[in-house]
Every structure is written in C-alpha cells, then in structure tokens.
Amino acid sequence: MNRNTQTSVEADPSLPVIRMTRDFAATPERLLRAHTDPALFVRWVGPDATSSRIEHWDARTGGSWRYVSVHDGVEYGFHGCFHEVRPDRIVQTFTFEGDPDGVALETLWFEDLGDGRTRLRAQSLVDSFESRDAWLRSGMETGVDEGYAKLDRMLADGAV
C-alpha cells in the first residue's frame, strides 16, 4: 500500500492489521515525548489541512485521551485508552467517534537505531478486513504522512 511516501504503510494479507514504519532523526526519548506530551502531539497530528485540540490527555499506563480535529469547520473526535506507556512502546486503543464501533488496538515501538535515529513501527489491529480497508481508503495514509512530516520539522528545529 506504500505510495512512495516516507512512511511505509502496509496491509497484512492474512490479518485485519495495518503496519506503518518510519525513521526519524531523533532519539527514542524525543519521539516518545512527541507522542505523549499533549502540547507537542496536537501540533503535529493529522493532515496539514486540519487543526486539532486536546480535550483530555493522561499519557500513562491506564490513562485515557480525547482530541478533536477540525477540517473546513467540521469537527472530528477521536478517543482511546493508554494500556501501556513505557520508554520503548505505547499500547493504546483508538476510536474515531464517527464510527464508534470501530475500535483499533494500536502498538507503537520506538527502536533505537543509534546515532540519534529511531525507527517508529506501528501496528493497528481492527475487527475486520472491511474496517481495515475502509481505514486505508479514508485518506489515513496522507494524514499519517503529513503529520509525521510536521513532526520531522519539529524535531529538526528543536521543538521536541
């Protein structure tokens, strides 16, 4: 499913799973901070054409979160629970409130490549192949790629 982007996005042929991989010029600690600090997260998450605000954010094992993205005046809510937050990975649920039954279980791994570089690997498990394919058709890949490009710029300018 990779369309020549910096983020590799692949659909598992035998499971309803989406896998993403991207390398960053940052330590695992900085990348973890970008994913758990709400003031940082809200600056990079999502496509360029959206803005987001944090409604609730408790980035700890057992915590929960909710944010709202706005595109052309329309609000889109997302929420989930942090099942595990530790230095090398985050396990969380992710729900788009427009599809409240479509809960994904996401795992993000922060792999230290040395020399101040980190490989982010992410996996999203959904309830069906139909749900997985709908996510892929939704423009998710563009949002991920544009969001991570913003994060790349934040890392480069020392904002994280």
C-alpha atoms as a PDB file:
ATOM      1  CA  MET A   1       0.000   0.000   0.000  1.00  0.00           C
ATOM      2  CA  ASN A   2       3.047   2.252   0.110  1.00  0.00           C
ATOM      3  CA  ARG A   3       2.584   5.057  -2.400  1.00  0.00           C
ATOM      4  CA  ASN A   4       6.191   6.235  -2.469  1.00  0.00           C
ATOM      5  CA  THR A   5       5.966   8.044   0.869  1.00  0.00           C
ATOM      6  CA  GLN A   6       8.476   8.249   3.671  1.00  0.00           C
ATOM      7  CA  THR A   7       6.089   6.272   5.837  1.00  0.00           C
ATOM      8  CA  SER A   8       5.702   2.671   4.788  1.00  0.00           C
ATOM      9  CA  VAL A   9       2.030   1.653   5.164  1.00  0.00           C
ATOM     10  CA  GLU A  10       1.148  -1.981   4.589  1.00  0.00           C
ATOM     11  CA  ALA A  11      -1.978  -4.077   4.955  1.00  0.00           C
ATOM     12  CA  ASP A  12      -1.354  -7.570   6.301  1.00  0.00           C
ATOM     13  CA  PRO A  13      -2.829 -10.062   3.798  1.00  0.00           C
ATOM     14  CA  SER A  14      -3.879 -12.570   6.469  1.00  0.00           C
ATOM     15  CA  LEU A  15      -4.977 -10.357   9.398  1.00  0.00           C
ATOM     16  CA  PRO A  16      -7.028  -7.137   9.677  1.00  0.00           C
ATOM     17  CA  VAL A  17      -3.862  -5.216  10.542  1.00  0.00           C
ATOM     18  CA  ILE A  18      -2.206  -2.062   9.207  1.00  0.00           C
ATOM     19  CA  ARG A  19       1.548  -1.748   9.772  1.00  0.00           C
ATOM     20  CA  MET A  20       3.489   1.504   9.432  1.00  0.00           C
ATOM     21  CA  THR A  21       7.214   2.185   9.627  1.00  0.00           C
ATOM     22  CA  ARG A  22       9.105   5.468   9.542  1.00  0.00           C
ATOM     23  CA  ASP A  23      12.622   6.502  10.572  1.00  0.00           C
ATOM     24  CA  PHE A  24      13.188   9.762  12.443  1.00  0.00           C
ATOM     25  CA  ALA A  25      16.285  11.828  13.177  1.00  0.00           C
ATOM     26  CA  ALA A  26      15.609  11.758  16.917  1.00  0.00           C
ATOM     27  CA  THR A  27      16.230   9.608  19.948  1.00  0.00           C
ATOM     28  CA  PRO A  28      13.509   7.245  21.195  1.00  0.00           C
ATOM     29  CA  GLU A  29      13.066   9.554  24.202  1.00  0.00           C
ATOM     30  CA  ARG A  30      12.273  12.549  21.985  1.00  0.00           C
ATOM     31  CA  LEU A  31       9.892  10.512  19.836  1.00  0.00           C
ATOM     32  CA  LEU A  32       8.110   9.136  22.903  1.00  0.00           C
ATOM     33  CA  ARG A  33       7.760  12.683  24.246  1.00  0.00           C
ATOM     34  CA  ALA A  34       6.246  13.832  20.934  1.00  0.00           C
ATOM     35  CA  HIS A  35       3.628  11.076  21.255  1.00  0.00           C
ATOM     36  CA  THR A  36       2.827  11.595  24.958  1.00  0.00           C
ATOM     37  CA  ASP A  37       3.109  15.357  25.601  1.00  0.00           C
ATOM     38  CA  PRO A  38      -0.275  16.817  24.595  1.00  0.00           C
ATOM     39  CA  ALA A  39       1.151  20.252  23.739  1.00  0.00           C
ATOM     40  CA  LEU A  40       3.540  18.600  21.259  1.00  0.00           C
ATOM     41  CA  PHE A  41       1.173  15.921  19.957  1.00  0.00           C
ATOM     42  CA  VAL A  42      -1.521  18.430  18.991  1.00  0.00           C
ATOM     43  CA  ARG A  43       0.983  20.377  16.879  1.00  0.00           C
ATOM     44  CA  TRP A  44       1.827  17.508  14.531  1.00  0.00           C
ATOM     45  CA  VAL A  45      -1.061  15.028  14.480  1.00  0.00           C
ATOM     46  CA  GLY A  46      -3.092  14.769  11.300  1.00  0.00           C
ATOM     47  CA  PRO A  47      -3.129  16.198   7.809  1.00  0.00           C
ATOM     48  CA  ASP A  48      -1.933  19.704   7.013  1.00  0.00           C
ATOM     49  CA  ALA A  49      -5.496  20.896   6.307  1.00  0.00           C
ATOM     50  CA  THR A  50      -6.641  20.174   9.870  1.00  0.00           C
ATOM     51  CA  SER A  51      -6.121  21.742  13.258  1.00  0.00           C
ATOM     52  CA  SER A  52      -6.568  19.833  16.483  1.00  0.00           C
ATOM     53  CA  ARG A  53      -7.238  20.483  20.130  1.00  0.00           C
ATOM     54  CA  ILE A  54      -6.804  18.230  23.134  1.00  0.00           C
ATOM     55  CA  GLU A  55      -9.952  17.627  25.196  1.00  0.00           C
ATOM     56  CA  HIS A  56      -8.384  15.167  27.658  1.00  0.00           C
ATOM     57  CA  TRP A  57      -4.874  13.661  27.860  1.00  0.00           C
ATOM     58  CA  ASP A  58      -3.467  11.328  30.520  1.00  0.00           C
ATOM     59  CA  ALA A  59      -0.498   9.614  28.852  1.00  0.00           C
ATOM     60  CA  ARG A  60       0.280   6.932  31.404  1.00  0.00           C
ATOM     61  CA  THR A  61      -0.446   3.236  31.722  1.00  0.00           C
ATOM     62  CA  GLY A  62      -4.169   3.118  32.471  1.00  0.00           C
ATOM     63  CA  GLY A  63      -4.773   6.677  31.259  1.00  0.00           C
ATOM     64  CA  SER A  64      -7.052   7.913  28.506  1.00  0.00           C
ATOM     65  CA  TRP A  65      -7.206  10.604  25.846  1.00  0.00           C
ATOM     66  CA  ARG A  66      -9.511  12.525  23.532  1.00  0.00           C
ATOM     67  CA  TYR A  67      -8.792  15.075  20.850  1.00  0.00           C
ATOM     68  CA  VAL A  68     -10.812  16.848  18.179  1.00  0.00           C
ATOM     69  CA  SER A  69      -9.584  17.674  14.687  1.00  0.00           C
ATOM     70  CA  VAL A  70     -11.217  20.394  12.626  1.00  0.00           C
ATOM     71  CA  HIS A  71     -11.305  20.438   8.822  1.00  0.00           C
ATOM     72  CA  ASP A  72     -13.293  23.065   6.894  1.00  0.00           C
ATOM     73  CA  GLY A  73     -15.257  23.898  10.052  1.00  0.00           C
ATOM     74  CA  VAL A  74     -16.290  20.274  10.682  1.00  0.00           C
ATOM     75  CA  GLU A  75     -15.136  18.615  13.907  1.00  0.00           C
ATOM     76  CA  TYR A  76     -13.984  15.006  14.114  1.00  0.00           C
ATOM     77  CA  GLY A  77     -13.490  13.421  17.547  1.00  0.00           C
ATOM     78  CA  PHE A  78     -11.060  10.653  18.456  1.00  0.00           C
ATOM     79  CA  HIS A  79     -10.546   8.922  21.789  1.00  0.00           C
ATOM     80  CA  GLY A  80      -8.868   5.962  23.404  1.00  0.00           C
ATOM     81  CA  CYS A  81      -7.090   4.476  26.390  1.00  0.00           C
ATOM     82  CA  PHE A  82      -3.395   4.081  27.069  1.00  0.00           C
ATOM     83  CA  HIS A  83      -3.000   0.432  28.041  1.00  0.00           C
ATOM     84  CA  GLU A  84       0.762   0.704  28.429  1.00  0.00           C
ATOM     85  CA  VAL A  85       3.202   3.596  28.182  1.00  0.00           C
ATOM     86  CA  ARG A  86       6.874   2.780  28.579  1.00  0.00           C
ATOM     87  CA  PRO A  87      10.124   4.088  27.052  1.00  0.00           C
ATOM     88  CA  ASP A  88      10.192   1.638  24.132  1.00  0.00           C
ATOM     89  CA  ARG A  89       6.481   1.340  23.281  1.00  0.00           C
ATOM     90  CA  ILE A  90       2.930   2.579  23.631  1.00  0.00           C
ATOM     91  CA  VAL A  91      -0.119   0.309  23.529  1.00  0.00           C
ATOM     92  CA  GLN A  92      -3.421   2.129  23.167  1.00  0.00           C
ATOM     93  CA  THR A  93      -6.897   1.935  21.739  1.00  0.00           C
ATOM     94  CA  PHE A  94      -8.018   4.342  19.016  1.00  0.00           C
ATOM     95  CA  THR A  95     -11.615   5.173  18.126  1.00  0.00           C
ATOM     96  CA  PHE A  96     -12.876   7.617  15.500  1.00  0.00           C
ATOM     97  CA  GLU A  97     -16.116   8.858  17.029  1.00  0.00           C
ATOM     98  CA  GLY A  98     -17.797   8.881  13.602  1.00  0.00           C
ATOM     99  CA  ASP A  99     -17.505   5.074  13.758  1.00  0.00           C
ATOM    100  CA  PRO A 100     -17.829   4.311  17.484  1.00  0.00           C
ATOM    101  CA  ASP A 101     -17.837   0.539  16.962  1.00  0.00           C
ATOM    102  CA  GLY A 102     -14.538   0.664  15.057  1.00  0.00           C
ATOM    103  CA  VAL A 103     -12.022   0.383  17.892  1.00  0.00           C
ATOM    104  CA  ALA A 104      -8.416  -0.317  16.922  1.00  0.00           C
ATOM    105  CA  LEU A 105      -5.725  -1.723  19.173  1.00  0.00           C
ATOM    106  CA  GLU A 106      -2.508   0.133  18.351  1.00  0.00           C
ATOM    107  CA  THR A 107       1.053  -0.631  19.344  1.00  0.00           C
ATOM    108  CA  LEU A 108       3.905   1.788  18.648  1.00  0.00           C
ATOM    109  CA  TRP A 109       7.501   0.635  19.072  1.00  0.00           C
ATOM    110  CA  PHE A 110      10.440   3.064  19.317  1.00  0.00           C
ATOM    111  CA  GLU A 111      13.537   1.230  18.035  1.00  0.00           C
ATOM    112  CA  ASP A 112      16.871   2.938  18.728  1.00  0.00           C
ATOM    113  CA  LEU A 113      18.957   2.822  15.544  1.00  0.00           C
ATOM    114  CA  GLY A 114      21.921   4.623  17.122  1.00  0.00           C
ATOM    115  CA  ASP A 115      23.410   7.958  16.064  1.00  0.00           C
ATOM    116  CA  GLY A 116      20.296   9.797  17.284  1.00  0.00           C
ATOM    117  CA  ARG A 117      17.922   7.946  14.942  1.00  0.00           C
ATOM    118  CA  THR A 118      14.804   5.981  15.784  1.00  0.00           C
ATOM    119  CA  ARG A 119      12.586   3.673  13.771  1.00  0.00           C
ATOM    120  CA  LEU A 120       8.931   4.001  14.672  1.00  0.00           C
ATOM    121  CA  ARG A 121       6.949   0.863  13.975  1.00  0.00           C
ATOM    122  CA  ALA A 122       3.190   0.974  14.457  1.00  0.00           C
ATOM    123  CA  GLN A 123       0.553  -1.686  14.162  1.00  0.00           C
ATOM    124  CA  SER A 124      -3.216  -1.176  14.208  1.00  0.00           C
ATOM    125  CA  LEU A 125      -5.461  -4.212  14.658  1.00  0.00           C
ATOM    126  CA  VAL A 126      -9.117  -3.686  13.728  1.00  0.00           C
ATOM    127  CA  ASP A 127     -12.118  -6.007  13.903  1.00  0.00           C
ATOM    128  CA  SER A 128     -12.440  -6.922  10.212  1.00  0.00           C
ATOM    129  CA  PHE A 129     -10.812  -6.735   6.806  1.00  0.00           C
ATOM    130  CA  GLU A 130     -13.646  -4.413   5.754  1.00  0.00           C
ATOM    131  CA  SER A 131     -12.785  -1.973   8.560  1.00  0.00           C
ATOM    132  CA  ARG A 132      -9.090  -2.149   7.747  1.00  0.00           C
ATOM    133  CA  ASP A 133      -9.705  -1.467   4.071  1.00  0.00           C
ATOM    134  CA  ALA A 134     -12.073   1.414   4.907  1.00  0.00           C
ATOM    135  CA  TRP A 135      -9.305   2.986   7.032  1.00  0.00           C
ATOM    136  CA  LEU A 136      -6.900   2.693   4.125  1.00  0.00           C
ATOM    137  CA  ARG A 137      -9.426   4.242   1.704  1.00  0.00           C
ATOM    138  CA  SER A 138     -10.182   7.097   4.146  1.00  0.00           C
ATOM    139  CA  GLY A 139      -7.018   9.059   3.372  1.00  0.00           C
ATOM    140  CA  MET A 140      -5.359   7.801   6.539  1.00  0.00           C
ATOM    141  CA  GLU A 141      -2.025   7.414   4.748  1.00  0.00           C
ATOM    142  CA  THR A 142      -1.993  11.087   3.739  1.00  0.00           C
ATOM    143  CA  GLY A 143      -2.812  12.164   7.288  1.00  0.00           C
ATOM    144  CA  VAL A 144      -0.080   9.968   8.738  1.00  0.00           C
ATOM    145  CA  ASP A 145       2.499  11.124   6.211  1.00  0.00           C
ATOM    146  CA  GLU A 146       1.692  14.836   6.557  1.00  0.00           C
ATOM    147  CA  GLY A 147       1.566  14.568  10.345  1.00  0.00           C
ATOM    148  CA  TYR A 148       4.926  12.834  10.538  1.00  0.00           C
ATOM    149  CA  ALA A 149       6.406  15.402   8.141  1.00  0.00           C
ATOM    150  CA  LYS A 150       5.320  18.090  10.640  1.00  0.00           C
ATOM    151  CA  LEU A 151       6.908  16.056  13.423  1.00  0.00           C
ATOM    152  CA  ASP A 152      10.135  15.781  11.380  1.00  0.00           C
ATOM    153  CA  ARG A 153      10.228  19.598  11.163  1.00  0.00           C
ATOM    154  CA  MET A 154       9.564  19.971  14.903  1.00  0.00           C
ATOM    155  CA  LEU A 155      12.388  17.544  15.681  1.00  0.00           C
ATOM    156  CA  ALA A 156      14.762  19.346  13.303  1.00  0.00           C
ATOM    157  CA  ASP A 157      14.070  22.783  14.785  1.00  0.00           C
ATOM    158  CA  GLY A 158      14.406  21.542  18.380  1.00  0.00           C
ATOM    159  CA  ALA A 159      10.735  21.973  19.340  1.00  0.00           C
ATOM    160  CA  VAL A 160      10.776  18.432  20.787  1.00  0.00           C
END
